[in-house]
PDB file of N, CA and C in Angstrom:
ATOM      1  N   LYS A   1      17.905  22.316  27.424  1.00  0.00           N
ATOM      2  CA  LYS A   1      17.775  21.390  27.597  1.00  0.00           C
ATOM      3  C   LYS A   1      18.504  20.469  26.814  1.00  0.00           C
ATOM      4  N   GLU A   2      19.186  19.847  26.813  1.00  0.00           N
ATOM      5  CA  GLU A   2      19.807  18.956  25.891  1.00  0.00           C
ATOM      6  C   GLU A   2      19.131  18.264  25.557  1.00  0.00           C
ATOM      7  N   VAL A   3      19.592  17.566  24.241  1.00  0.00           N
ATOM      8  CA  VAL A   3      18.686  16.478  23.644  1.00  0.00           C
ATOM      9  C   VAL A   3      19.162  15.249  22.804  1.00  0.00           C
ATOM     10  N   TYR A   4      19.035  14.438  23.228  1.00  0.00           N
ATOM     11  CA  TYR A   4      19.848  13.018  23.221  1.00  0.00           C
ATOM     12  C   TYR A   4      19.405  12.277  21.892  1.00  0.00           C
ATOM     13  N   LEU A   5      19.872  12.645  20.821  1.00  0.00           N
ATOM     14  CA  LEU A   5      19.555  11.866  19.368  1.00  0.00           C
ATOM     15  C   LEU A   5      19.625  11.001  18.978  1.00  0.00           C
ATOM     16  N   GLN A   6      20.537  10.041  20.060  1.00  0.00           N
ATOM     17  CA  GLN A   6      21.120   8.650  19.494  1.00  0.00           C
ATOM     18  C   GLN A   6      20.182   7.727  20.118  1.00  0.00           C
ATOM     19  N   ASP A   7      19.154   8.137  20.962  1.00  0.00           N
ATOM     20  CA  ASP A   7      18.284   7.236  21.585  1.00  0.00           C
ATOM     21  C   ASP A   7      17.148   6.999  20.422  1.00  0.00           C
ATOM     22  N   ILE A   8      16.907   5.476  19.926  1.00  0.00           N
ATOM     23  CA  ILE A   8      16.157   5.228  18.616  1.00  0.00           C
ATOM     24  C   ILE A   8      14.353   5.680  19.026  1.00  0.00           C
ATOM     25  N   HIS A   9      13.919   5.882  20.299  1.00  0.00           N
ATOM     26  CA  HIS A   9      12.538   6.162  20.660  1.00  0.00           C
ATOM     27  C   HIS A   9      12.667   7.391  20.420  1.00  0.00           C
ATOM     28  N   CYS A  10      13.622   8.144  20.448  1.00  0.00           N
ATOM     29  CA  CYS A  10      13.197   9.722  19.884  1.00  0.00           C
ATOM     30  C   CYS A  10      13.265   9.767  18.627  1.00  0.00           C
ATOM     31  N   VAL A  11      14.070   9.005  17.848  1.00  0.00           N
ATOM     32  CA  VAL A  11      13.473   9.140  16.530  1.00  0.00           C
ATOM     33  C   VAL A  11      12.403   8.503  15.766  1.00  0.00           C
ATOM     34  N   GLY A  12      11.809   7.591  16.345  1.00  0.00           N
ATOM     35  CA  GLY A  12      10.372   7.021  16.301  1.00  0.00           C
ATOM     36  C   GLY A  12       9.341   7.875  16.530  1.00  0.00           C
ATOM     37  N   SER A  13       9.820   8.842  17.855  1.00  0.00           N
ATOM     38  CA  SER A  13       8.617   9.543  18.137  1.00  0.00           C
ATOM     39  C   SER A  13       8.918  10.872  17.188  1.00  0.00           C
ATOM     40  N   LEU A  14       9.932  11.250  17.109  1.00  0.00           N
ATOM     41  CA  LEU A  14      10.028  12.349  16.123  1.00  0.00           C
ATOM     42  C   LEU A  14       9.240  11.975  14.633  1.00  0.00           C
ATOM     43  N   CYS A  15       9.285  10.714  14.008  1.00  0.00           N
ATOM     44  CA  CYS A  15       8.614  10.425  12.665  1.00  0.00           C
ATOM     45  C   CYS A  15       6.847  10.512  12.939  1.00  0.00           C
ATOM     46  N   LYS A  16       6.514  10.031  14.119  1.00  0.00           N
ATOM     47  CA  LYS A  16       5.055   9.869  14.592  1.00  0.00           C
ATOM     48  C   LYS A  16       4.233  11.001  14.560  1.00  0.00           C
ATOM     49  N   LEU A  17       5.494  11.689  15.129  1.00  0.00           N
ATOM     50  CA  LEU A  17       4.807  13.730  15.515  1.00  0.00           C
ATOM     51  C   LEU A  17       5.182  14.197  13.935  1.00  0.00           C
ATOM     52  N   TYR A  18       5.814  14.111  13.083  1.00  0.00           N
ATOM     53  CA  TYR A  18       5.743  14.762  11.494  1.00  0.00           C
ATOM     54  C   TYR A  18       4.705  14.504  11.033  1.00  0.00           C
ATOM     55  N   PHE A  19       4.267  13.203  11.218  1.00  0.00           N
ATOM     56  CA  PHE A  19       2.849  12.517  10.316  1.00  0.00           C
ATOM     57  C   PHE A  19       1.691  13.376  10.996  1.00  0.00           C
ATOM     58  N   ARG A  20       1.601  13.258  12.717  1.00  0.00           N
ATOM     59  CA  ARG A  20       0.491  13.536  13.200  1.00  0.00           C
ATOM     60  C   ARG A  20       0.471  14.906  13.088  1.00  0.00           C
ATOM     61  N   GLU A  21       1.149  16.180  12.723  1.00  0.00           N
ATOM     62  CA  GLU A  21       0.933  17.060  12.698  1.00  0.00           C
ATOM     63  C   GLU A  21       1.068  17.791  11.181  1.00  0.00           C
ATOM     64  N   LEU A  22       0.978  16.924  10.255  1.00  0.00           N
ATOM     65  CA  LEU A  22       0.545  17.891   9.142  1.00  0.00           C
ATOM     66  C   LEU A  22      -0.393  18.212   9.062  1.00  0.00           C
ATOM     67  N   PRO A  23      -0.965  18.939   7.976  1.00  0.00           N
ATOM     68  CA  PRO A  23      -1.907  19.688   8.216  1.00  0.00           C
ATOM     69  C   PRO A  23      -3.247  18.628   7.319  1.00  0.00           C
ATOM     70  N   ASN A  24      -2.761  18.239   6.545  1.00  0.00           N
ATOM     71  CA  ASN A  24      -3.887  16.602   5.931  1.00  0.00           C
ATOM     72  C   ASN A  24      -2.745  15.529   5.936  1.00  0.00           C
ATOM     73  N   PRO A  25      -3.311  15.035   6.898  1.00  0.00           N
ATOM     74  CA  PRO A  25      -2.576  13.433   7.104  1.00  0.00           C
ATOM     75  C   PRO A  25      -2.273  12.706   5.670  1.00  0.00           C
ATOM     76  N   LEU A  26      -1.508  11.823   6.214  1.00  0.00           N
ATOM     77  CA  LEU A  26      -0.904  11.212   5.010  1.00  0.00           C
ATOM     78  C   LEU A  26      -1.582  10.490   4.018  1.00  0.00           C
ATOM     79  N   LEU A  27      -3.115   9.771   4.370  1.00  0.00           N
ATOM     80  CA  LEU A  27      -3.828   9.037   3.875  1.00  0.00           C
ATOM     81  C   LEU A  27      -5.578   9.857   3.736  1.00  0.00           C
ATOM     82  N   THR A  28      -5.052  11.248   3.583  1.00  0.00           N
ATOM     83  CA  THR A  28      -5.762  12.586   3.390  1.00  0.00           C
ATOM     84  C   THR A  28      -7.217  12.933   3.900  1.00  0.00           C
ATOM     85  N   PHE A  29      -7.660  14.061   4.159  1.00  0.00           N
ATOM     86  CA  PHE A  29      -9.225  14.266   4.537  1.00  0.00           C
ATOM     87  C   PHE A  29      -9.968  13.741   3.899  1.00  0.00           C
ATOM     88  N   GLU A  30     -10.076  13.994   2.722  1.00  0.00           N
ATOM     89  CA  GLU A  30     -10.727  13.821   1.383  1.00  0.00           C
ATOM     90  C   GLU A  30     -10.843  12.340   1.346  1.00  0.00           C
ATOM     91  N   LEU A  31      -9.847  11.339   1.653  1.00  0.00           N
ATOM     92  CA  LEU A  31      -9.840   9.978   1.362  1.00  0.00           C
ATOM     93  C   LEU A  31     -10.342   9.303   2.424  1.00  0.00           C
ATOM     94  N   TYR A  32     -10.774   9.888   3.726  1.00  0.00           N
ATOM     95  CA  TYR A  32     -10.676   9.246   4.987  1.00  0.00           C
ATOM     96  C   TYR A  32     -11.754   8.014   4.914  1.00  0.00           C
ATOM     97  N   SER A  33     -13.163   8.641   4.113  1.00  0.00           N
ATOM     98  CA  SER A  33     -14.105   8.135   4.423  1.00  0.00           C
ATOM     99  C   SER A  33     -14.100   6.975   3.456  1.00  0.00           C
ATOM    100  N   LYS A  34     -13.349   6.664   2.212  1.00  0.00           N
ATOM    101  CA  LYS A  34     -12.612   6.131   1.469  1.00  0.00           C
ATOM    102  C   LYS A  34     -12.123   5.034   2.444  1.00  0.00           C
ATOM    103  N   PHE A  35     -11.444   5.242   2.713  1.00  0.00           N
ATOM    104  CA  PHE A  35     -10.261   4.228   3.581  1.00  0.00           C
ATOM    105  C   PHE A  35     -11.222   3.539   4.423  1.00  0.00           C
ATOM    106  N   THR A  36     -11.690   4.267   5.775  1.00  0.00           N
ATOM    107  CA  THR A  36     -12.663   3.676   6.455  1.00  0.00           C
ATOM    108  C   THR A  36     -13.506   3.009   5.815  1.00  0.00           C
ATOM    109  N   GLY A  37     -14.053   3.099   4.750  1.00  0.00           N
ATOM    110  CA  GLY A  37     -15.382   2.224   4.058  1.00  0.00           C
ATOM    111  C   GLY A  37     -14.623   0.957   3.668  1.00  0.00           C
ATOM    112  N   ALA A  38     -14.040   0.740   3.073  1.00  0.00           N
ATOM    113  CA  ALA A  38     -12.628   0.218   2.620  1.00  0.00           C
ATOM    114  C   ALA A  38     -12.242  -1.033   3.510  1.00  0.00           C
ATOM    115  N   VAL A  39     -11.685  -0.616   4.795  1.00  0.00           N
ATOM    116  CA  VAL A  39     -11.211  -1.212   5.533  1.00  0.00           C
ATOM    117  C   VAL A  39     -12.232  -2.411   6.399  1.00  0.00           C
ATOM    118  N   SER A  40     -13.843  -1.774   5.889  1.00  0.00           N
ATOM    119  CA  SER A  40     -15.178  -2.539   6.696  1.00  0.00           C
ATOM    120  C   SER A  40     -15.693  -2.933   5.769  1.00  0.00           C
ATOM    121  N   VAL A  41     -15.063  -3.461   4.661  1.00  0.00           N
ATOM    122  CA  VAL A  41     -15.528  -4.700   3.890  1.00  0.00           C
ATOM    123  C   VAL A  41     -15.004  -6.150   3.830  1.00  0.00           C
ATOM    124  N   GLN A  42     -16.098  -6.752   3.835  1.00  0.00           N
ATOM    125  CA  GLN A  42     -15.911  -8.303   4.664  1.00  0.00           C
ATOM    126  C   GLN A  42     -15.132  -9.026   3.088  1.00  0.00           C
ATOM    127  N   GLY A  43     -14.560  -9.851   3.971  1.00  0.00           N
ATOM    128  CA  GLY A  43     -13.321 -10.622   3.070  1.00  0.00           C
ATOM    129  C   GLY A  43     -12.280 -10.224   2.596  1.00  0.00           C
ATOM    130  N   ASP A  44     -11.274 -10.900   2.996  1.00  0.00           N
ATOM    131  CA  ASP A  44      -9.835 -10.541   2.850  1.00  0.00           C
ATOM    132  C   ASP A  44      -9.610 -10.144   1.594  1.00  0.00           C
ATOM    133  N   HIS A  45      -9.812 -10.691   0.599  1.00  0.00           N
ATOM    134  CA  HIS A  45      -9.435 -10.068  -0.778  1.00  0.00           C
ATOM    135  C   HIS A  45     -10.320  -8.834  -1.152  1.00  0.00           C
ATOM    136  N   GLU A  46     -11.327  -9.113  -1.175  1.00  0.00           N
ATOM    137  CA  GLU A  46     -12.356  -7.430  -1.508  1.00  0.00           C
ATOM    138  C   GLU A  46     -12.014  -6.631  -0.732  1.00  0.00           C
ATOM    139  N   ARG A  47     -11.350  -6.770   0.186  1.00  0.00           N
ATOM    140  CA  ARG A  47     -11.357  -5.720   1.498  1.00  0.00           C
ATOM    141  C   ARG A  47      -9.836  -5.320   0.692  1.00  0.00           C
ATOM    142  N   LEU A  48      -8.975  -5.976   0.553  1.00  0.00           N
ATOM    143  CA  LEU A  48      -7.728  -5.645  -0.227  1.00  0.00           C
ATOM    144  C   LEU A  48      -8.175  -4.458  -1.519  1.00  0.00           C
ATOM    145  N   ILE A  49      -8.700  -5.244  -2.297  1.00  0.00           N
ATOM    146  CA  ILE A  49      -9.136  -4.300  -3.723  1.00  0.00           C
ATOM    147  C   ILE A  49      -9.451  -2.947  -2.857  1.00  0.00           C
ATOM    148  N   HIS A  50     -10.519  -2.902  -2.237  1.00  0.00           N
ATOM    149  CA  HIS A  50     -10.710  -1.589  -1.735  1.00  0.00           C
ATOM    150  C   HIS A  50     -10.197  -0.743  -1.380  1.00  0.00           C
ATOM    151  N   ILE A  51      -9.198  -1.343  -0.324  1.00  0.00           N
ATOM    152  CA  ILE A  51      -7.741  -0.506   0.564  1.00  0.00           C
ATOM    153  C   ILE A  51      -6.936   0.004  -0.832  1.00  0.00           C
ATOM    154  N   GLN A  52      -6.740  -0.818  -2.014  1.00  0.00           N
ATOM    155  CA  GLN A  52      -5.769  -0.688  -3.150  1.00  0.00           C
ATOM    156  C   GLN A  52      -6.462   0.230  -4.038  1.00  0.00           C
ATOM    157  N   SER A  53      -7.763   0.245  -4.221  1.00  0.00           N
ATOM    158  CA  SER A  53      -8.637   1.694  -4.798  1.00  0.00           C
ATOM    159  C   SER A  53      -8.226   2.769  -4.183  1.00  0.00           C
ATOM    160  N   ALA A  54      -8.402   2.551  -2.765  1.00  0.00           N
ATOM    161  CA  ALA A  54      -8.362   4.209  -2.010  1.00  0.00           C
ATOM    162  C   ALA A  54      -6.753   4.657  -2.033  1.00  0.00           C
ATOM    163  N   VAL A  55      -5.901   3.661  -2.175  1.00  0.00           N
ATOM    164  CA  VAL A  55      -4.378   4.123  -2.359  1.00  0.00           C
ATOM    165  C   VAL A  55      -4.509   4.956  -3.454  1.00  0.00           C
ATOM    166  N   LYS A  56      -4.770   4.080  -4.841  1.00  0.00           N
ATOM    167  CA  LYS A  56      -4.709   4.810  -5.840  1.00  0.00           C
ATOM    168  C   LYS A  56      -5.150   6.325  -6.115  1.00  0.00           C
ATOM    169  N   GLU A  57      -5.843   6.250  -5.122  1.00  0.00           N
ATOM    170  CA  GLU A  57      -6.297   7.917  -5.283  1.00  0.00           C
ATOM    171  C   GLU A  57      -5.318   9.162  -4.405  1.00  0.00           C
ATOM    172  N   LEU A  58      -4.649   8.371  -4.049  1.00  0.00           N
ATOM    173  CA  LEU A  58      -3.619   9.674  -3.454  1.00  0.00           C
ATOM    174  C   LEU A  58      -2.692  10.208  -4.301  1.00  0.00           C
ATOM    175  N   PRO A  59      -2.849  11.496  -3.567  1.00  0.00           N
ATOM    176  CA  PRO A  59      -1.467  12.405  -4.530  1.00  0.00           C
ATOM    177  C   PRO A  59      -0.200  11.374  -4.466  1.00  0.00           C
ATOM    178  N   THR A  60       0.442  12.304  -5.480  1.00  0.00           N
ATOM    179  CA  THR A  60       1.422  11.089  -5.862  1.00  0.00           C
ATOM    180  C   THR A  60       2.403  11.324  -4.375  1.00  0.00           C
ATOM    181  N   ALA A  61       2.766  12.489  -3.733  1.00  0.00           N
ATOM    182  CA  ALA A  61       3.709  12.582  -2.863  1.00  0.00           C
ATOM    183  C   ALA A  61       3.486  11.532  -1.548  1.00  0.00           C
ATOM    184  N   HIS A  62       2.023  11.862  -1.261  1.00  0.00           N
ATOM    185  CA  HIS A  62       1.681  10.894  -0.201  1.00  0.00           C
ATOM    186  C   HIS A  62       1.582   9.119  -0.965  1.00  0.00           C
ATOM    187  N   PHE A  63       1.498   9.112  -2.187  1.00  0.00           N
ATOM    188  CA  PHE A  63       1.640   7.596  -2.464  1.00  0.00           C
ATOM    189  C   PHE A  63       2.402   7.018  -1.945  1.00  0.00           C
ATOM    190  N   ARG A  64       3.617   7.662  -2.924  1.00  0.00           N
ATOM    191  CA  ARG A  64       5.091   7.585  -2.582  1.00  0.00           C
ATOM    192  C   ARG A  64       5.428   6.830  -0.968  1.00  0.00           C
ATOM    193  N   THR A  65       5.207   8.016  -0.279  1.00  0.00           N
ATOM    194  CA  THR A  65       5.669   8.326   1.634  1.00  0.00           C
ATOM    195  C   THR A  65       4.864   7.361   2.056  1.00  0.00           C
ATOM    196  N   LEU A  66       3.566   6.772   1.548  1.00  0.00           N
ATOM    197  CA  LEU A  66       2.778   5.554   2.088  1.00  0.00           C
ATOM    198  C   LEU A  66       3.879   4.472   1.850  1.00  0.00           C
ATOM    199  N   GLU A  67       4.085   4.243   0.295  1.00  0.00           N
ATOM    200  CA  GLU A  67       4.959   3.019  -0.035  1.00  0.00           C
ATOM    201  C   GLU A  67       6.097   2.911   1.103  1.00  0.00           C
ATOM    202  N   PHE A  68       6.948   3.852   1.098  1.00  0.00           N
ATOM    203  CA  PHE A  68       8.492   4.121   1.539  1.00  0.00           C
ATOM    204  C   PHE A  68       7.754   3.247   2.864  1.00  0.00           C
ATOM    205  N   LEU A  69       6.868   4.060   3.742  1.00  0.00           N
ATOM    206  CA  LEU A  69       6.474   3.732   5.164  1.00  0.00           C
ATOM    207  C   LEU A  69       5.919   2.538   5.702  1.00  0.00           C
ATOM    208  N   THR A  70       5.125   1.688   4.755  1.00  0.00           N
ATOM    209  CA  THR A  70       4.574   0.523   4.678  1.00  0.00           C
ATOM    210  C   THR A  70       5.828  -0.420   4.693  1.00  0.00           C
ATOM    211  N   LYS A  71       6.429  -0.310   3.817  1.00  0.00           N
ATOM    212  CA  LYS A  71       8.259  -1.268   3.731  1.00  0.00           C
ATOM    213  C   LYS A  71       8.397  -1.092   4.966  1.00  0.00           C
ATOM    214  N   HIS A  72       8.634   0.036   5.525  1.00  0.00           N
ATOM    215  CA  HIS A  72       9.490  -0.052   6.892  1.00  0.00           C
ATOM    216  C   HIS A  72       8.759  -0.290   7.893  1.00  0.00           C
ATOM    217  N   LEU A  73       7.571   0.026   8.007  1.00  0.00           N
ATOM    218  CA  LEU A  73       6.851  -0.720   9.224  1.00  0.00           C
ATOM    219  C   LEU A  73       6.664  -2.333   9.070  1.00  0.00           C
ATOM    220  N   ALA A  74       6.685  -3.026   7.729  1.00  0.00           N
ATOM    221  CA  ALA A  74       6.486  -4.454   7.437  1.00  0.00           C
ATOM    222  C   ALA A  74       8.207  -4.881   7.773  1.00  0.00           C
ATOM    223  N   HIS A  75       8.908  -4.085   7.523  1.00  0.00           N
ATOM    224  CA  HIS A  75      10.289  -4.614   8.109  1.00  0.00           C
ATOM    225  C   HIS A  75      10.517  -4.680   9.645  1.00  0.00           C
ATOM    226  N   LEU A  76       9.929  -3.662  10.487  1.00  0.00           N
ATOM    227  CA  LEU A  76       9.716  -3.718  11.772  1.00  0.00           C
ATOM    228  C   LEU A  76       9.239  -4.369  12.421  1.00  0.00           C
ATOM    229  N   ALA A  77       8.169  -5.155  11.630  1.00  0.00           N
ATOM    230  CA  ALA A  77       7.152  -6.243  12.011  1.00  0.00           C
ATOM    231  C   ALA A  77       7.930  -7.411  12.028  1.00  0.00           C
ATOM    232  N   THR A  78       8.777  -7.663  11.021  1.00  0.00           N
ATOM    233  CA  THR A  78       9.911  -8.807  10.887  1.00  0.00           C
ATOM    234  C   THR A  78      10.665  -9.397  12.352  1.00  0.00           C
ATOM    235  N   LEU A  79      11.316  -7.911  12.802  1.00  0.00           N
ATOM    236  CA  LEU A  79      11.519  -8.065  14.080  1.00  0.00           C
ATOM    237  C   LEU A  79      11.071  -7.996  15.335  1.00  0.00           C
ATOM    238  N   SER A  80      10.019  -8.090  15.584  1.00  0.00           N
ATOM    239  CA  SER A  80       8.868  -8.224  16.774  1.00  0.00           C
ATOM    240  C   SER A  80       9.082  -9.061  17.769  1.00  0.00           C
ATOM    241  N   SER A  81      10.168 -10.222  17.479  1.00  0.00           N
ATOM    242  CA  SER A  81      10.817 -10.877  18.526  1.00  0.00           C
ATOM    243  C   SER A  81      11.816 -10.058  19.522  1.00  0.00           C
ATOM    244  N   GLN A  82      12.060  -9.376  18.866  1.00  0.00           N
ATOM    245  CA  GLN A  82      13.061  -8.572  19.435  1.00  0.00           C
ATOM    246  C   GLN A  82      12.647  -7.060  20.118  1.00  0.00           C
ATOM    247  N   THR A  83      11.868  -6.434  19.012  1.00  0.00           N
ATOM    248  CA  THR A  83      11.411  -5.601  19.385  1.00  0.00           C
ATOM    249  C   THR A  83       9.758  -5.574  20.376  1.00  0.00           C
ATOM    250  N   ASN A  84       9.015  -6.559  20.284  1.00  0.00           N
ATOM    251  CA  ASN A  84       7.596  -6.281  21.102  1.00  0.00           C
ATOM    252  C   ASN A  84       6.936  -5.442  19.841  1.00  0.00           C
ATOM    253  N   MET A  85       6.947  -5.360  18.689  1.00  0.00           N
ATOM    254  CA  MET A  85       6.495  -4.166  17.478  1.00  0.00           C
ATOM    255  C   MET A  85       5.961  -5.174  17.042  1.00  0.00           C
ATOM    256  N   HIS A  86       4.526  -6.074  17.608  1.00  0.00           N
ATOM    257  CA  HIS A  86       3.980  -7.015  16.390  1.00  0.00           C
ATOM    258  C   HIS A  86       3.052  -5.885  15.248  1.00  0.00           C
ATOM    259  N   THR A  87       2.550  -6.506  14.558  1.00  0.00           N
ATOM    260  CA  THR A  87       1.637  -5.430  13.682  1.00  0.00           C
ATOM    261  C   THR A  87       0.214  -5.090  14.387  1.00  0.00           C
ATOM    262  N   ARG A  88       0.001  -5.561  15.308  1.00  0.00           N
ATOM    263  CA  ARG A  88      -0.882  -5.041  16.227  1.00  0.00           C
ATOM    264  C   ARG A  88      -0.022  -3.884  16.957  1.00  0.00           C
ATOM    265  N   ASN A  89       0.641  -4.108  17.644  1.00  0.00           N
ATOM    266  CA  ASN A  89       1.352  -2.747  18.257  1.00  0.00           C
ATOM    267  C   ASN A  89       2.113  -1.545  17.082  1.00  0.00           C
ATOM    268  N   LEU A  90       2.117  -2.104  16.019  1.00  0.00           N
ATOM    269  CA  LEU A  90       2.891  -1.120  15.003  1.00  0.00           C
ATOM    270  C   LEU A  90       1.316  -0.237  14.705  1.00  0.00           C
ATOM    271  N   ALA A  91       0.201  -0.923  14.657  1.00  0.00           N
ATOM    272  CA  ALA A  91      -1.204  -0.351  14.177  1.00  0.00           C
ATOM    273  C   ALA A  91      -1.365   0.631  15.235  1.00  0.00           C
ATOM    274  N   LEU A  92      -1.481   0.366  16.608  1.00  0.00           N
ATOM    275  CA  LEU A  92      -2.046   0.976  17.500  1.00  0.00           C
ATOM    276  C   LEU A  92      -1.392   2.546  17.686  1.00  0.00           C
ATOM    277  N   VAL A  93       0.464   2.264  17.175  1.00  0.00           N
ATOM    278  CA  VAL A  93       1.075   3.802  17.257  1.00  0.00           C
ATOM    279  C   VAL A  93       0.663   4.494  16.227  1.00  0.00           C
ATOM    280  N   TRP A  94       0.823   3.927  14.933  1.00  0.00           N
ATOM    281  CA  TRP A  94       0.985   4.410  13.798  1.00  0.00           C
ATOM    282  C   TRP A  94      -0.851   5.083  13.016  1.00  0.00           C
ATOM    283  N   ALA A  95      -1.645   4.232  13.197  1.00  0.00           N
ATOM    284  CA  ALA A  95      -2.795   4.253  12.695  1.00  0.00           C
ATOM    285  C   ALA A  95      -3.838   5.851  13.129  1.00  0.00           C
ATOM    286  N   PRO A  96      -3.143   6.434  14.387  1.00  0.00           N
ATOM    287  CA  PRO A  96      -3.885   7.854  14.665  1.00  0.00           C
ATOM    288  C   PRO A  96      -3.207   8.723  14.116  1.00  0.00           C
ATOM    289  N   ASN A  97      -1.903   8.551  13.306  1.00  0.00           N
ATOM    290  CA  ASN A  97      -0.860   9.638  12.920  1.00  0.00           C
ATOM    291  C   ASN A  97      -0.809   9.491  11.221  1.00  0.00           C
ATOM    292  N   LEU A  98      -1.605   8.623  10.807  1.00  0.00           N
ATOM    293  CA  LEU A  98      -1.839   8.384   9.712  1.00  0.00           C
ATOM    294  C   LEU A  98      -3.063   8.917   9.094  1.00  0.00           C
ATOM    295  N   LEU A  99      -4.279   8.257   9.780  1.00  0.00           N
ATOM    296  CA  LEU A  99      -5.475   8.613   9.256  1.00  0.00           C
ATOM    297  C   LEU A  99      -6.205   9.256  10.172  1.00  0.00           C
ATOM    298  N   ARG A 100      -6.787  10.366   9.831  1.00  0.00           N
ATOM    299  CA  ARG A 100      -7.473  11.415  10.620  1.00  0.00           C
ATOM    300  C   ARG A 100      -8.535  11.932  10.109  1.00  0.00           C
ATOM    301  N   SER A 101     -10.063  11.838  10.580  1.00  0.00           N
ATOM    302  CA  SER A 101     -10.975  12.735  10.447  1.00  0.00           C
ATOM    303  C   SER A 101     -11.111  14.068  10.902  1.00  0.00           C
ATOM    304  N   LYS A 102     -11.411  14.663   9.532  1.00  0.00           N
ATOM    305  CA  LYS A 102     -11.412  16.080  10.068  1.00  0.00           C
ATOM    306  C   LYS A 102     -12.546  16.271  11.174  1.00  0.00           C
ATOM    307  N   ASP A 103     -13.974  15.924  11.112  1.00  0.00           N
ATOM    308  CA  ASP A 103     -15.149  16.215  11.873  1.00  0.00           C
ATOM    309  C   ASP A 103     -14.682  15.373  13.000  1.00  0.00           C
ATOM    310  N   ILE A 104     -14.159  14.365  13.449  1.00  0.00           N
ATOM    311  CA  ILE A 104     -13.699  13.815  14.516  1.00  0.00           C
ATOM    312  C   ILE A 104     -12.667  14.952  14.941  1.00  0.00           C
ATOM    313  N   GLU A 105     -11.583  15.309  14.185  1.00  0.00           N
ATOM    314  CA  GLU A 105     -10.266  16.201  15.110  1.00  0.00           C
ATOM    315  C   GLU A 105     -11.293  17.665  15.269  1.00  0.00           C
ATOM    316  N   ALA A 106     -12.372  18.181  14.457  1.00  0.00           N
ATOM    317  CA  ALA A 106     -12.696  19.248  15.158  1.00  0.00           C
ATOM    318  C   ALA A 106     -13.621  19.063  16.228  1.00  0.00           C
ATOM    319  N   SER A 107     -14.284  17.787  16.784  1.00  0.00           N
ATOM    320  CA  SER A 107     -14.768  17.441  17.981  1.00  0.00           C
ATOM    321  C   SER A 107     -14.165  17.251  18.981  1.00  0.00           C
ATOM    322  N   SER A 108     -13.021  16.591  18.692  1.00  0.00           N
ATOM    323  CA  SER A 108     -12.135  15.972  19.962  1.00  0.00           C
ATOM    324  C   SER A 108     -12.578  15.003  20.020  1.00  0.00           C
ATOM    325  N   GLY A 109     -13.446  14.549  19.568  1.00  0.00           N
ATOM    326  CA  GLY A 109     -13.609  13.063  19.907  1.00  0.00           C
ATOM    327  C   GLY A 109     -12.714  11.577  19.099  1.00  0.00           C
ATOM    328  N   ASN A 110     -12.736  10.971  19.785  1.00  0.00           N
ATOM    329  CA  ASN A 110     -12.144  10.049  18.421  1.00  0.00           C
ATOM    330  C   ASN A 110     -12.942   8.215  18.468  1.00  0.00           C
ATOM    331  N   GLY A 111     -13.822   8.483  18.718  1.00  0.00           N
ATOM    332  CA  GLY A 111     -14.973   7.188  18.558  1.00  0.00           C
ATOM    333  C   GLY A 111     -14.181   6.111  17.879  1.00  0.00           C
ATOM    334  N   ASP A 112     -13.907   6.724  16.644  1.00  0.00           N
ATOM    335  CA  ASP A 112     -13.539   5.269  15.929  1.00  0.00           C
ATOM    336  C   ASP A 112     -12.072   5.011  16.053  1.00  0.00           C
ATOM    337  N   MET A 113     -11.092   5.228  16.594  1.00  0.00           N
ATOM    338  CA  MET A 113     -10.069   4.806  16.411  1.00  0.00           C
ATOM    339  C   MET A 113      -9.431   3.787  16.895  1.00  0.00           C
ATOM    340  N   ALA A 114     -10.380   2.453  17.554  1.00  0.00           N
ATOM    341  CA  ALA A 114     -10.018   1.046  18.050  1.00  0.00           C
ATOM    342  C   ALA A 114     -10.450   0.608  16.542  1.00  0.00           C
ATOM    343  N   PHE A 115     -11.259   1.163  15.861  1.00  0.00           N
ATOM    344  CA  PHE A 115     -11.672   0.368  14.721  1.00  0.00           C
ATOM    345  C   PHE A 115     -10.640   0.627  13.789  1.00  0.00           C
ATOM    346  N   GLN A 116     -10.266   2.146  13.700  1.00  0.00           N
ATOM    347  CA  GLN A 116      -8.842   2.505  12.500  1.00  0.00           C
ATOM    348  C   GLN A 116      -7.699   1.595  12.856  1.00  0.00           C
ATOM    349  N   GLU A 117      -7.520   1.235  14.598  1.00  0.00           N
ATOM    350  CA  GLU A 117      -6.249   0.543  15.028  1.00  0.00           C
ATOM    351  C   GLU A 117      -6.295  -0.959  14.300  1.00  0.00           C
ATOM    352  N   VAL A 118      -7.712  -2.024  14.490  1.00  0.00           N
ATOM    353  CA  VAL A 118      -7.755  -3.061  14.290  1.00  0.00           C
ATOM    354  C   VAL A 118      -7.544  -3.284  12.447  1.00  0.00           C
ATOM    355  N   ARG A 119      -7.942  -2.347  11.726  1.00  0.00           N
ATOM    356  CA  ARG A 119      -8.345  -2.500  10.466  1.00  0.00           C
ATOM    357  C   ARG A 119      -6.781  -2.058   9.686  1.00  0.00           C
ATOM    358  N   MET A 120      -6.166  -1.068  10.189  1.00  0.00           N
ATOM    359  CA  MET A 120      -4.876  -0.215  10.240  1.00  0.00           C
ATOM    360  C   MET A 120      -4.005  -1.591  10.429  1.00  0.00           C
ATOM    361  N   GLN A 121      -4.159  -2.477  11.122  1.00  0.00           N
ATOM    362  CA  GLN A 121      -3.262  -4.032  11.569  1.00  0.00           C
ATOM    363  C   GLN A 121      -3.052  -4.571  10.187  1.00  0.00           C
ATOM    364  N   GLN A 122      -4.257  -4.727   9.943  1.00  0.00           N
ATOM    365  CA  GLN A 122      -4.482  -5.682   8.676  1.00  0.00           C
ATOM    366  C   GLN A 122      -3.659  -4.954   7.470  1.00  0.00           C
ATOM    367  N   SER A 123      -3.886  -3.717   7.084  1.00  0.00           N
ATOM    368  CA  SER A 123      -2.879  -3.256   6.231  1.00  0.00           C
ATOM    369  C   SER A 123      -1.550  -3.180   6.316  1.00  0.00           C
ATOM    370  N   VAL A 124      -1.201  -3.072   7.275  1.00  0.00           N
ATOM    371  CA  VAL A 124       0.322  -3.828   7.979  1.00  0.00           C
ATOM    372  C   VAL A 124       0.743  -5.000   7.688  1.00  0.00           C
TER     373      VAL A 124
END
């Protein structure tokens, strides 16, 4: 079967697949509870401080990749009038690929995905 690589949707899907298939997600299994705890903090300023603290604990390669990806997603959000990919939509499709729990993955449950999506939207 021939693959048509000029379709922008294929490129986006390939990027999401890459992040989803990483053995340790971009936001790492080890920091999962820190990230979910950080996004639960009340108050935008305090939440941002906790998220920044968790991000600073990422391994350097993860941090740099997240930095680049975040800039790219922020740029995509500015094009939402043309693409319909508002921050909420971006969060919906990207959060499960970046932040995963080893426990949830092992049990095949995904109970807090909606929670992650809403909070990831705020980060984007």
